[in-house]
């Protein structure tokens, strides 16, 4: 369970947000939205422990994430704006190395299957520098299929994806939720995933 209590963040002379609080249980998705500059990425990075809040706490199963460190990070998968793809490496090599950096190892067949499901069949062994931006994003998103983290924090995961890939990614996220995972995401694209039973949090100037 992820819980946020009275979270506030100031950058320079500007307060990005204050008094943010929510609770996320297994199987729940939180859709974070707001205008550009409202602090969405900052809040996501704060949830991951990459930025310290000026006030408030981020709790994982009741404990402050500041004290948990690796015990929290092994349950977390953060996918930011940048794909983190090395151009001289193939999609297969990128995924295997990113998995090691995430704290576990996968075999080539597992990586190959993940890339194939994300629509990279026939491109797995090509240098990433010859792939399109959309294909770069798919390589990065393949981490979702091989990582066992229960909490996914996704910053604009649908960026650079075509319609088919957007539909596929929504299915991957739904599967994670159905299995008891939790998701916090931002997106500028309106997708069915962020409606219905999804929790919503809007950041804005009033914060």
Protein backbone atom coordinates (compact mmCIF):
# COMPACT_ATOMS: atom_id res chain seq x y z
CA UNK A 1 0.00 0.00 0.00
CA UNK A 2 1.28 3.46 -0.96
CA UNK A 3 0.20 6.41 1.16
CA UNK A 4 1.03 10.09 0.74
CA UNK A 5 0.46 12.52 3.61
CA UNK A 6 0.43 16.33 3.34
CA UNK A 7 3.09 16.42 0.63
CA UNK A 8 4.49 19.83 -0.39
CA UNK A 9 7.29 20.84 -2.73
CA UNK A 10 8.90 24.20 -3.47
CA UNK A 11 11.25 24.90 -6.38
CA UNK A 12 13.05 28.23 -6.24
CA UNK A 13 10.53 30.83 -5.16
CA UNK A 14 7.54 28.85 -6.40
CA UNK A 15 5.45 26.26 -4.59
CA UNK A 16 4.59 23.51 -7.05
CA UNK A 17 2.07 21.76 -4.81
CA UNK A 18 1.08 21.48 -1.19
CA UNK A 19 -1.13 19.38 1.03
CA UNK A 20 -1.15 16.44 -1.38
CA UNK A 21 -2.54 13.28 0.12
CA UNK A 22 -3.85 9.99 -1.23
CA UNK A 23 -3.80 6.26 -0.62
CA UNK A 24 -3.30 3.59 -3.25
CA UNK A 25 -4.25 -0.01 -2.61
CA UNK A 26 -3.39 -3.15 -4.63
CA UNK A 27 -5.27 -3.18 -7.92
CA UNK A 28 -5.70 0.61 -8.04
CA UNK A 29 -4.53 3.20 -10.56
CA UNK A 30 -4.00 6.90 -9.87
CA UNK A 31 -4.19 9.24 -12.87
CA UNK A 32 -2.17 12.38 -12.15
CA UNK A 33 -2.96 15.33 -14.40
CA UNK A 34 -2.59 19.09 -14.63
CA UNK A 35 -1.19 21.79 -16.89
CA UNK A 36 2.47 21.90 -17.91
CA UNK A 37 4.60 23.12 -15.03
CA UNK A 38 2.11 22.10 -12.35
CA UNK A 39 4.61 19.67 -10.80
CA UNK A 40 3.49 16.29 -12.13
CA UNK A 41 6.98 14.95 -12.84
CA UNK A 42 8.27 16.38 -9.57
CA UNK A 43 5.51 14.60 -7.67
CA UNK A 44 6.22 11.31 -9.45
CA UNK A 45 9.92 11.57 -8.64
CA UNK A 46 9.06 12.39 -5.04
CA UNK A 47 6.95 9.25 -4.82
CA UNK A 48 10.01 7.30 -5.96
CA UNK A 49 12.29 8.90 -3.38
CA UNK A 50 14.34 10.70 -6.04
CA UNK A 51 13.31 14.12 -4.70
CA UNK A 52 12.79 14.98 -1.03
CA UNK A 53 9.56 16.85 -0.24
CA UNK A 54 9.64 20.11 1.69
CA UNK A 55 6.82 18.81 3.84
CA UNK A 56 4.95 15.55 4.28
CA UNK A 57 5.70 11.87 3.92
CA UNK A 58 5.55 9.06 1.39
CA UNK A 59 4.75 5.77 3.12
CA UNK A 60 5.09 2.23 1.83
CA UNK A 61 3.09 -0.24 3.92
CA UNK A 62 3.13 2.32 6.72
CA UNK A 63 6.88 3.06 6.72
CA UNK A 64 8.53 6.20 5.38
CA UNK A 65 10.36 5.38 2.13
CA UNK A 66 13.38 7.42 3.30
CA UNK A 67 14.25 4.65 5.72
CA UNK A 68 13.36 1.74 3.46
CA UNK A 69 15.70 2.44 0.53
CA UNK A 70 16.36 -0.90 -1.24
CA UNK A 71 13.41 -2.54 0.51
CA UNK A 72 11.20 -0.02 -1.29
CA UNK A 73 13.09 0.24 -4.57
CA UNK A 74 12.78 -3.50 -5.29
CA UNK A 75 8.98 -3.03 -5.32
CA UNK A 76 9.17 0.05 -7.57
CA UNK A 77 9.48 0.51 -11.31
CA UNK A 78 9.84 4.12 -12.47
CA UNK A 79 9.65 4.97 -16.15
CA UNK A 80 10.34 8.63 -16.85
CA UNK A 81 10.28 10.90 -19.88
CA UNK A 82 13.64 9.64 -21.11
CA UNK A 83 13.83 6.09 -22.39
CA UNK A 84 17.37 5.45 -21.19
CA UNK A 85 18.20 3.57 -24.39
CA UNK A 86 21.82 3.18 -25.54
CA UNK A 87 22.03 3.66 -29.31
CA UNK A 88 24.94 1.28 -29.90
CA UNK A 89 23.16 -1.59 -28.14
CA UNK A 90 20.34 -3.67 -29.57
CA UNK A 91 16.86 -3.63 -28.09
CA UNK A 92 17.61 -7.06 -26.62
CA UNK A 93 20.83 -5.87 -24.99
CA UNK A 94 19.18 -2.71 -23.69
CA UNK A 95 16.42 -4.67 -22.00
CA UNK A 96 18.79 -7.20 -20.43
CA UNK A 97 21.05 -4.46 -19.08
CA UNK A 98 18.17 -2.34 -17.76
CA UNK A 99 16.87 -5.41 -15.93
CA UNK A 100 20.24 -5.89 -14.26
CA UNK A 101 20.16 -2.24 -13.20
CA UNK A 102 16.66 -2.85 -11.83
CA UNK A 103 18.18 -5.51 -9.58
CA UNK A 104 17.55 -8.82 -11.34
CA UNK A 105 18.67 -10.79 -14.36
CA UNK A 106 16.61 -12.16 -17.23
CA UNK A 107 17.59 -14.62 -19.91
CA UNK A 108 17.67 -13.65 -23.60
CA UNK A 109 14.51 -15.64 -24.39
CA UNK A 110 12.50 -13.75 -21.75
CA UNK A 111 13.77 -10.44 -23.13
CA UNK A 112 13.05 -11.55 -26.71
CA UNK A 113 9.46 -12.49 -25.82
CA UNK A 114 8.85 -9.17 -24.08
CA UNK A 115 10.11 -7.17 -27.04
CA UNK A 116 8.06 -9.27 -29.43
CA UNK A 117 4.87 -8.62 -27.45
CA UNK A 118 5.59 -4.88 -27.53
CA UNK A 119 5.64 -5.01 -31.34
CA UNK A 120 9.37 -5.20 -31.96
CA UNK A 121 9.37 -8.55 -33.69
CA UNK A 122 12.20 -8.50 -36.23
CA UNK A 123 13.85 -5.47 -34.64
CA UNK A 124 15.16 -7.03 -31.43
CA UNK A 125 18.74 -7.43 -32.65
CA UNK A 126 19.06 -4.08 -34.43
CA UNK A 127 21.12 -1.24 -32.90
CA UNK A 128 18.73 1.10 -31.12
CA UNK A 129 20.15 4.07 -33.04
CA UNK A 130 18.38 2.87 -36.20
CA UNK A 131 15.01 2.54 -34.46
CA UNK A 132 12.29 5.19 -34.44
CA UNK A 133 11.29 7.17 -31.34
CA UNK A 134 8.20 5.01 -31.00
CA UNK A 135 10.35 1.87 -31.11
CA UNK A 136 12.68 3.35 -28.51
CA UNK A 137 9.67 3.81 -26.27
CA UNK A 138 8.59 0.22 -26.82
CA UNK A 139 12.05 -1.04 -25.79
CA UNK A 140 11.81 0.99 -22.58
CA UNK A 141 8.24 -0.20 -21.92
CA UNK A 142 9.31 -3.83 -22.28
CA UNK A 143 10.70 -3.47 -18.75
CA UNK A 144 7.09 -3.66 -17.56
CA UNK A 145 6.80 -7.22 -18.87
CA UNK A 146 9.92 -8.60 -17.18
CA UNK A 147 9.93 -6.69 -13.88
CA UNK A 148 8.19 -8.07 -10.78
CA UNK A 149 7.75 -4.67 -9.07
CA UNK A 150 4.28 -4.13 -7.63
CA UNK A 151 4.28 -0.32 -7.94
CA UNK A 152 4.65 1.24 -11.39
CA UNK A 153 5.24 4.99 -11.61
CA UNK A 154 4.91 6.01 -15.26
CA UNK A 155 5.56 9.50 -16.64
CA UNK A 156 3.84 9.91 -20.03
CA UNK A 157 4.11 6.20 -20.93
CA UNK A 158 2.03 6.64 -24.12
CA UNK A 159 4.38 9.25 -25.57
CA UNK A 160 5.52 8.54 -29.18
CA UNK A 161 3.31 5.44 -29.44
CA UNK A 162 0.90 4.81 -32.30
CA UNK A 163 -2.74 3.89 -31.70
CA UNK A 164 -2.11 0.15 -31.68
CA UNK A 165 0.73 0.44 -29.17
CA UNK A 166 -1.39 2.67 -26.91
CA UNK A 167 -4.09 -0.02 -26.85
CA UNK A 168 -1.50 -2.73 -26.15
CA UNK A 169 0.10 -0.77 -23.30
CA UNK A 170 -3.28 -0.22 -21.69
CA UNK A 171 -3.81 -3.99 -21.74
CA UNK A 172 -0.41 -4.55 -20.09
CA UNK A 173 -1.25 -2.05 -17.35
CA UNK A 174 -4.69 -3.61 -16.78
CA UNK A 175 -3.08 -7.03 -16.40
CA UNK A 176 -0.76 -5.60 -13.75
CA UNK A 177 -3.72 -4.12 -11.87
CA UNK A 178 -5.68 -7.37 -12.14
CA UNK A 179 -2.75 -9.15 -10.53
CA UNK A 180 -2.81 -6.78 -7.54
CA UNK A 181 -0.28 -4.25 -8.80
CA UNK A 182 -0.52 -0.48 -8.37
CA UNK A 183 0.04 2.24 -10.96
CA UNK A 184 0.55 6.00 -10.81
CA UNK A 185 0.75 7.65 -14.22
CA UNK A 186 0.55 10.90 -16.11
CA UNK A 187 -0.53 11.26 -19.73
CA UNK A 188 -1.61 14.04 -22.06
CA UNK A 189 -3.56 11.52 -24.11
CA UNK A 190 -7.12 10.67 -23.16
CA UNK A 191 -7.32 6.90 -22.83
CA UNK A 192 -10.04 4.64 -21.38
CA UNK A 193 -7.59 3.43 -18.72
CA UNK A 194 -7.71 6.78 -16.89
CA UNK A 195 -11.50 6.90 -16.66
CA UNK A 196 -14.05 4.77 -14.85
CA UNK A 197 -12.74 3.42 -11.55
CA UNK A 198 -9.33 5.11 -11.82
CA UNK A 199 -8.48 7.50 -9.01
CA UNK A 200 -7.63 11.02 -10.16
CA UNK A 201 -5.47 13.79 -8.76
CA UNK A 202 -5.22 17.17 -10.47
CA UNK A 203 -2.37 19.58 -9.83
CA UNK A 204 -2.83 23.26 -10.57
CA UNK A 205 -2.18 26.81 -9.51
CA UNK A 206 -4.61 26.53 -6.61
CA UNK A 207 -2.14 24.20 -4.91
